[in-house]
């Protein structure tokens, strides 16, 4: 395990153990966060580790009208940065296939690959809730397969798992919930069904489709889902689903009236030349990284790096 700069394995273990034991994070800060609020950390929150986000905060924030901030993460380095930025939920998405592993879709992603990514993210996080995707082929056979797959992800640090599909997943959601594993549902455009859906298409158009989605969400929530992702759904439909949903809705290409938003972190940060229509580039990290690598290369080729300050005399 690679430790974050400035910390030792021992200190990390102590912090992690304290978090799991429910230690009063923030209690040493005058006027600090309460046990139930789990607020995003601010620049002044430096005296104590932030309080962990828990599943019950998702429902609480919805009641309070507080928008939830979700981002994907696939490795410890990025997860630590996004966690420190105050992200509420880090989704270890099967989009790791497209973003990190070089696949052309999420379909080739294996459960073993999700285990590695989930473990990496969970090791780096101090505050955010960690949700891990169940990849294609790891739950469709039935609730028993879903439980076995989810247990593997929870054992390496996931606080909840996410699976795709509507009412046909209710039995799996119910079994996982009964086993003590929180489940996030995912309806609308479901990337693992891209072949059946005929490509990357907006879902929920038309009254019948909208009503079916509302019913899907109701049945998934009834089975125990703690939240539901709405992907590529018309804004008015997503608003109707959100109003009818018993649990928080998290939008991606579903408008501003969901209870929160999620983006693939590389889209949000501007890592690549192309960005989906529903994503906004909040930075140009890809260009900055390219320029840094070019500057490094020029310094090496011109013998401007390393210099005496970068080597050891004895």
Protein backbone atom coordinates (compact mmCIF):
# COMPACT_ATOMS: atom_id res chain seq x y z
CA UNK A 1 0.00 0.00 0.00
CA UNK A 2 1.26 3.45 -0.90
CA UNK A 3 0.60 5.87 1.91
CA UNK A 4 -0.49 9.47 1.29
CA UNK A 5 2.31 11.97 1.70
CA UNK A 6 3.00 12.92 5.27
CA UNK A 7 1.35 9.87 6.84
CA UNK A 8 2.57 6.51 8.04
CA UNK A 9 0.85 3.14 7.72
CA UNK A 10 0.36 3.17 11.47
CA UNK A 11 -1.35 6.56 11.49
CA UNK A 12 -3.58 5.54 8.60
CA UNK A 13 -4.66 2.38 10.40
CA UNK A 14 -5.42 4.37 13.53
CA UNK A 15 -7.54 6.87 11.61
CA UNK A 16 -9.39 4.10 9.78
CA UNK A 17 -10.06 2.20 13.00
CA UNK A 18 -11.34 5.35 14.68
CA UNK A 19 -13.65 6.03 11.74
CA UNK A 20 -15.13 2.54 11.84
CA UNK A 21 -15.57 2.74 15.61
CA UNK A 22 -17.55 5.95 15.23
CA UNK A 23 -14.98 8.15 16.94
CA UNK A 24 -16.19 11.75 17.34
CA UNK A 25 -14.47 13.24 14.29
CA UNK A 26 -14.60 17.01 14.42
CA UNK A 27 -15.39 17.11 18.13
CA UNK A 28 -12.10 18.89 18.86
CA UNK A 29 -13.04 21.75 16.52
CA UNK A 30 -15.07 24.50 18.22
CA UNK A 31 -18.39 24.75 16.43
CA UNK A 32 -17.49 21.65 14.42
CA UNK A 33 -19.90 19.32 12.60
CA UNK A 34 -22.55 17.38 14.43
CA UNK A 35 -22.79 13.62 14.33
CA UNK A 36 -25.71 13.65 11.91
CA UNK A 37 -24.79 16.38 9.45
CA UNK A 38 -21.54 15.04 7.91
CA UNK A 39 -20.91 18.37 6.12
CA UNK A 40 -18.36 18.78 3.37
CA UNK A 41 -15.00 19.84 4.83
CA UNK A 42 -13.85 23.43 4.39
CA UNK A 43 -10.43 25.00 4.17
CA UNK A 44 -10.46 25.57 7.94
CA UNK A 45 -11.25 21.95 8.84
CA UNK A 46 -7.62 21.00 9.47
CA UNK A 47 -7.56 20.14 13.16
CA UNK A 48 -9.28 16.74 12.98
CA UNK A 49 -10.27 14.14 10.37
CA UNK A 50 -13.68 14.81 8.81
CA UNK A 51 -16.70 12.77 9.87
CA UNK A 52 -17.50 9.88 7.54
CA UNK A 53 -20.52 10.03 5.27
CA UNK A 54 -22.93 7.18 6.00
CA UNK A 55 -25.87 5.80 4.08
CA UNK A 56 -28.42 7.50 6.31
CA UNK A 57 -27.01 10.89 5.37
CA UNK A 58 -28.31 10.42 1.81
CA UNK A 59 -31.92 10.35 3.01
CA UNK A 60 -31.26 13.10 5.54
CA UNK A 61 -29.78 15.42 2.92
CA UNK A 62 -32.77 14.86 0.68
CA UNK A 63 -35.10 15.91 3.49
CA UNK A 64 -32.96 19.00 4.06
CA UNK A 65 -32.87 19.89 0.35
CA UNK A 66 -29.08 19.57 0.26
CA UNK A 67 -27.69 18.57 -3.13
CA UNK A 68 -25.41 15.53 -3.07
CA UNK A 69 -22.05 15.54 -4.84
CA UNK A 70 -20.96 12.23 -6.40
CA UNK A 71 -17.93 11.49 -8.58
CA UNK A 72 -16.34 8.33 -9.87
CA UNK A 73 -12.92 7.22 -8.65
CA UNK A 74 -10.80 4.21 -9.57
CA UNK A 75 -7.50 4.54 -7.69
CA UNK A 76 -6.08 5.76 -4.40
CA UNK A 77 -4.29 8.81 -5.81
CA UNK A 78 -7.37 10.32 -7.41
CA UNK A 79 -9.73 9.20 -4.64
CA UNK A 80 -7.70 11.02 -2.02
CA UNK A 81 -7.85 14.28 -3.98
CA UNK A 82 -11.58 14.03 -4.63
CA UNK A 83 -12.26 13.08 -1.01
CA UNK A 84 -10.27 16.06 0.27
CA UNK A 85 -12.28 18.29 -2.09
CA UNK A 86 -15.41 17.42 -0.12
CA UNK A 87 -17.04 14.96 -2.53
CA UNK A 88 -19.86 13.20 -0.68
CA UNK A 89 -19.87 9.87 -2.52
CA UNK A 90 -17.13 8.22 -4.56
CA UNK A 91 -18.51 5.72 -7.04
CA UNK A 92 -16.06 3.03 -8.07
CA UNK A 93 -17.75 2.66 -11.42
CA UNK A 94 -17.39 -0.07 -13.98
CA UNK A 95 -16.53 2.90 -16.20
CA UNK A 96 -13.03 2.00 -15.00
CA UNK A 97 -13.10 -0.12 -18.14
CA UNK A 98 -13.38 2.89 -20.45
CA UNK A 99 -11.43 5.38 -18.38
CA UNK A 100 -8.51 3.33 -17.04
CA UNK A 101 -8.33 -0.10 -18.64
CA UNK A 102 -8.70 0.88 -22.27
CA UNK A 103 -11.91 -1.07 -23.01
CA UNK A 104 -14.44 0.36 -25.45
CA UNK A 105 -17.34 -0.24 -23.05
CA UNK A 106 -18.06 -1.40 -19.50
CA UNK A 107 -19.01 -4.90 -20.64
CA UNK A 108 -15.52 -6.50 -20.46
CA UNK A 109 -14.92 -5.39 -16.86
CA UNK A 110 -14.45 -8.34 -14.50
CA UNK A 111 -15.38 -8.55 -10.83
CA UNK A 112 -11.70 -9.09 -9.99
CA UNK A 113 -10.90 -5.73 -11.61
CA UNK A 114 -13.64 -4.04 -9.59
CA UNK A 115 -12.21 -5.58 -6.42
CA UNK A 116 -8.80 -4.06 -7.10
CA UNK A 117 -10.24 -0.62 -7.89
CA UNK A 118 -12.57 -0.66 -4.88
CA UNK A 119 -9.79 -1.66 -2.51
CA UNK A 120 -7.58 1.16 -3.86
CA UNK A 121 -10.26 3.82 -3.44
CA UNK A 122 -11.36 2.64 0.00
CA UNK A 123 -7.79 2.79 1.32
CA UNK A 124 -7.49 6.47 0.40
CA UNK A 125 -10.85 7.77 1.61
CA UNK A 126 -11.40 9.42 4.99
CA UNK A 127 -14.84 11.02 4.56
CA UNK A 128 -16.73 10.03 1.40
CA UNK A 129 -19.12 7.10 1.13
CA UNK A 130 -17.67 4.47 -1.21
CA UNK A 131 -20.13 2.83 -3.61
CA UNK A 132 -18.88 0.09 -5.95
CA UNK A 133 -20.48 -1.10 -9.17
CA UNK A 134 -21.38 -4.72 -9.70
CA UNK A 135 -20.01 -5.36 -13.21
CA UNK A 136 -21.81 -7.06 -16.06
CA UNK A 137 -22.11 -10.81 -15.49
CA UNK A 138 -21.71 -10.65 -11.72
CA UNK A 139 -25.39 -10.44 -10.65
CA UNK A 140 -27.77 -11.17 -13.53
CA UNK A 141 -28.06 -14.90 -12.73
CA UNK A 142 -30.04 -14.12 -9.59
CA UNK A 143 -29.95 -12.82 -6.02
CA UNK A 144 -27.49 -15.47 -4.87
CA UNK A 145 -24.90 -14.47 -7.45
CA UNK A 146 -25.50 -10.79 -6.66
CA UNK A 147 -24.91 -11.42 -2.96
CA UNK A 148 -21.71 -13.37 -3.54
CA UNK A 149 -20.35 -10.61 -5.79
CA UNK A 150 -21.40 -7.81 -3.46
CA UNK A 151 -19.77 -9.49 -0.47
CA UNK A 152 -16.42 -9.45 -2.29
CA UNK A 153 -16.67 -5.69 -2.83
CA UNK A 154 -17.77 -4.97 0.73
CA UNK A 155 -14.89 -7.04 2.10
CA UNK A 156 -12.38 -4.72 0.38
CA UNK A 157 -13.99 -1.50 1.55
CA UNK A 158 -17.21 -0.71 -0.33
CA UNK A 159 -19.89 0.86 1.87
CA UNK A 160 -22.59 0.07 -0.69
CA UNK A 161 -22.91 -1.47 -4.14
CA UNK A 162 -24.69 -0.33 -7.29
CA UNK A 163 -26.45 -2.46 -9.88
CA UNK A 164 -28.26 -1.64 -13.09
CA UNK A 165 -31.84 -2.40 -14.06
CA UNK A 166 -35.41 -1.80 -13.04
CA UNK A 167 -37.97 -3.95 -11.28
CA UNK A 168 -36.29 -7.15 -12.46
CA UNK A 169 -33.52 -6.40 -9.95
CA UNK A 170 -35.87 -6.01 -6.98
CA UNK A 171 -35.23 -9.53 -5.65
CA UNK A 172 -31.47 -8.98 -5.77
CA UNK A 173 -31.82 -5.63 -4.03
CA UNK A 174 -33.96 -7.24 -1.35
CA UNK A 175 -31.48 -10.05 -0.68
CA UNK A 176 -28.51 -7.70 -0.47
CA UNK A 177 -30.43 -5.39 1.84
CA UNK A 178 -31.40 -8.28 4.10
CA UNK A 179 -27.72 -9.24 4.21
CA UNK A 180 -26.83 -5.75 5.44
CA UNK A 181 -25.43 -4.41 2.16
CA UNK A 182 -26.83 -1.04 1.05
CA UNK A 183 -27.77 -0.94 -2.62
CA UNK A 184 -27.90 1.95 -5.09
CA UNK A 185 -30.11 1.25 -8.10
CA UNK A 186 -29.51 2.55 -11.63
CA UNK A 187 -32.25 3.14 -14.22
CA UNK A 188 -32.63 5.10 -17.45
CA UNK A 189 -29.72 4.45 -19.76
CA UNK A 190 -27.89 1.46 -18.33
CA UNK A 191 -24.49 1.04 -20.04
CA UNK A 192 -24.33 -2.70 -19.37
CA UNK A 193 -27.44 -3.06 -21.58
CA UNK A 194 -26.05 -0.93 -24.41
CA UNK A 195 -26.48 -3.74 -26.96
CA UNK A 196 -30.12 -4.30 -26.03
CA UNK A 197 -30.86 -0.57 -25.99
CA UNK A 198 -29.37 -0.06 -29.45
CA UNK A 199 -26.59 2.28 -28.41
CA UNK A 200 -26.22 5.29 -26.16
CA UNK A 201 -29.80 6.54 -26.18
CA UNK A 202 -31.87 8.73 -23.88
CA UNK A 203 -34.40 6.63 -21.97
CA UNK A 204 -37.84 7.45 -20.57
CA UNK A 205 -39.27 9.33 -23.53
CA UNK A 206 -43.03 9.08 -23.84
CA UNK A 207 -45.69 8.75 -21.16
CA UNK A 208 -45.62 4.96 -20.99
CA UNK A 209 -41.83 4.87 -20.56
CA UNK A 210 -41.95 7.60 -17.92
CA UNK A 211 -44.63 5.79 -15.92
CA UNK A 212 -42.67 2.53 -16.17
CA UNK A 213 -39.56 4.25 -14.81
CA UNK A 214 -41.50 5.72 -11.90
CA UNK A 215 -42.81 2.25 -11.06
CA UNK A 216 -39.34 0.72 -11.40
CA UNK A 217 -37.95 3.19 -8.89
CA UNK A 218 -40.85 2.62 -6.50
CA UNK A 219 -40.34 -1.15 -6.55
CA UNK A 220 -36.57 -0.87 -6.16
CA UNK A 221 -36.99 1.47 -3.19
CA UNK A 222 -39.58 -0.87 -1.71
CA UNK A 223 -37.02 -3.68 -2.00
CA UNK A 224 -34.51 -1.61 -0.04
CA UNK A 225 -32.53 0.55 -2.47
CA UNK A 226 -31.07 3.57 -0.64
CA UNK A 227 -30.73 5.75 -3.76
CA UNK A 228 -31.16 5.51 -7.51
CA UNK A 229 -29.05 6.84 -10.36
CA UNK A 230 -30.99 8.32 -13.29
CA UNK A 231 -28.84 8.34 -16.42
CA UNK A 232 -29.71 10.10 -19.69
CA UNK A 233 -33.33 10.74 -18.81
CA UNK A 234 -35.30 13.76 -20.11
CA UNK A 235 -35.27 16.52 -17.51
CA UNK A 236 -39.05 16.67 -17.03
CA UNK A 237 -39.21 12.90 -16.62
CA UNK A 238 -36.34 12.89 -14.12
CA UNK A 239 -38.17 15.58 -12.16
CA UNK A 240 -41.31 13.43 -12.04
CA UNK A 241 -39.33 10.37 -10.99
CA UNK A 242 -37.60 12.38 -8.26
CA UNK A 243 -40.89 13.74 -6.94
CA UNK A 244 -42.40 10.25 -6.80
CA UNK A 245 -39.30 8.45 -5.53
CA UNK A 246 -39.13 7.41 -1.86
CA UNK A 247 -35.31 7.59 -2.03
CA UNK A 248 -32.77 10.14 -3.31
CA UNK A 249 -32.20 10.36 -7.06
CA UNK A 250 -28.75 11.06 -8.46
CA UNK A 251 -28.67 12.45 -11.97
CA UNK A 252 -26.19 12.07 -14.80
CA UNK A 253 -27.64 13.70 -17.88
CA UNK A 254 -31.00 13.98 -16.09
CA UNK A 255 -31.27 17.68 -15.29
CA UNK A 256 -31.02 19.77 -12.16
CA UNK A 257 -34.09 18.58 -10.25
CA UNK A 258 -32.56 15.34 -8.99
CA UNK A 259 -31.32 15.14 -5.39
CA UNK A 260 -27.70 15.09 -6.50
CA UNK A 261 -25.35 14.76 -9.44
CA UNK A 262 -22.69 12.28 -10.48
CA UNK A 263 -20.05 12.58 -13.20
CA UNK A 264 -17.14 10.50 -14.36
CA UNK A 265 -14.23 12.34 -12.80
CA UNK A 266 -12.17 12.48 -16.00
CA UNK A 267 -15.08 14.18 -17.81
CA UNK A 268 -15.51 16.65 -14.95
CA UNK A 269 -11.79 17.49 -14.87
CA UNK A 270 -11.24 17.72 -18.63
CA UNK A 271 -8.81 14.83 -18.97
CA UNK A 272 -9.67 14.02 -22.58
CA UNK A 273 -10.48 15.95 -25.75
CA UNK A 274 -14.11 14.74 -25.83
CA UNK A 275 -16.74 15.29 -23.16
CA UNK A 276 -20.33 13.98 -23.13
CA UNK A 277 -23.05 16.56 -23.70
CA UNK A 278 -24.34 16.16 -20.15
CA UNK A 279 -20.93 16.79 -18.57
CA UNK A 280 -19.26 20.12 -17.85
CA UNK A 281 -15.50 20.53 -17.87
CA UNK A 282 -14.52 22.16 -14.57
CA UNK A 283 -10.83 22.10 -15.46
CA UNK A 284 -8.34 21.17 -18.17
CA UNK A 285 -6.33 18.64 -16.20
CA UNK A 286 -5.42 16.62 -19.27
CA UNK A 287 -3.80 19.61 -20.94
CA UNK A 288 -2.01 20.56 -17.72
CA UNK A 289 -0.63 17.01 -17.40
CA UNK A 290 0.45 17.00 -21.06
CA UNK A 291 2.26 20.31 -20.62
CA UNK A 292 3.98 19.11 -17.44
CA UNK A 293 5.21 15.98 -19.23
CA UNK A 294 6.46 18.09 -22.14
CA UNK A 295 8.28 20.46 -19.78
CA UNK A 296 9.86 17.49 -18.02
CA UNK A 297 11.00 16.01 -21.32
CA UNK A 298 12.55 19.28 -22.45
CA UNK A 299 14.35 19.69 -19.13
CA UNK A 300 15.84 16.17 -19.35
CA UNK A 301 16.91 16.55 -22.98
CA UNK A 302 18.53 19.94 -22.31
CA UNK A 303 20.27 18.69 -19.13
CA UNK A 304 18.35 21.25 -17.09
CA UNK A 305 17.13 18.41 -14.85
CA UNK A 306 18.37 17.05 -12.54
CA UNK A 307 20.57 19.67 -10.92
CA UNK A 308 22.53 19.62 -7.66
CA UNK A 309 19.44 20.24 -5.55
CA UNK A 310 18.00 16.96 -6.84
CA UNK A 311 20.90 14.59 -6.16
CA UNK A 312 22.93 13.27 -3.23
CA UNK A 313 26.63 14.07 -2.83
CA UNK A 314 27.28 11.11 -0.53
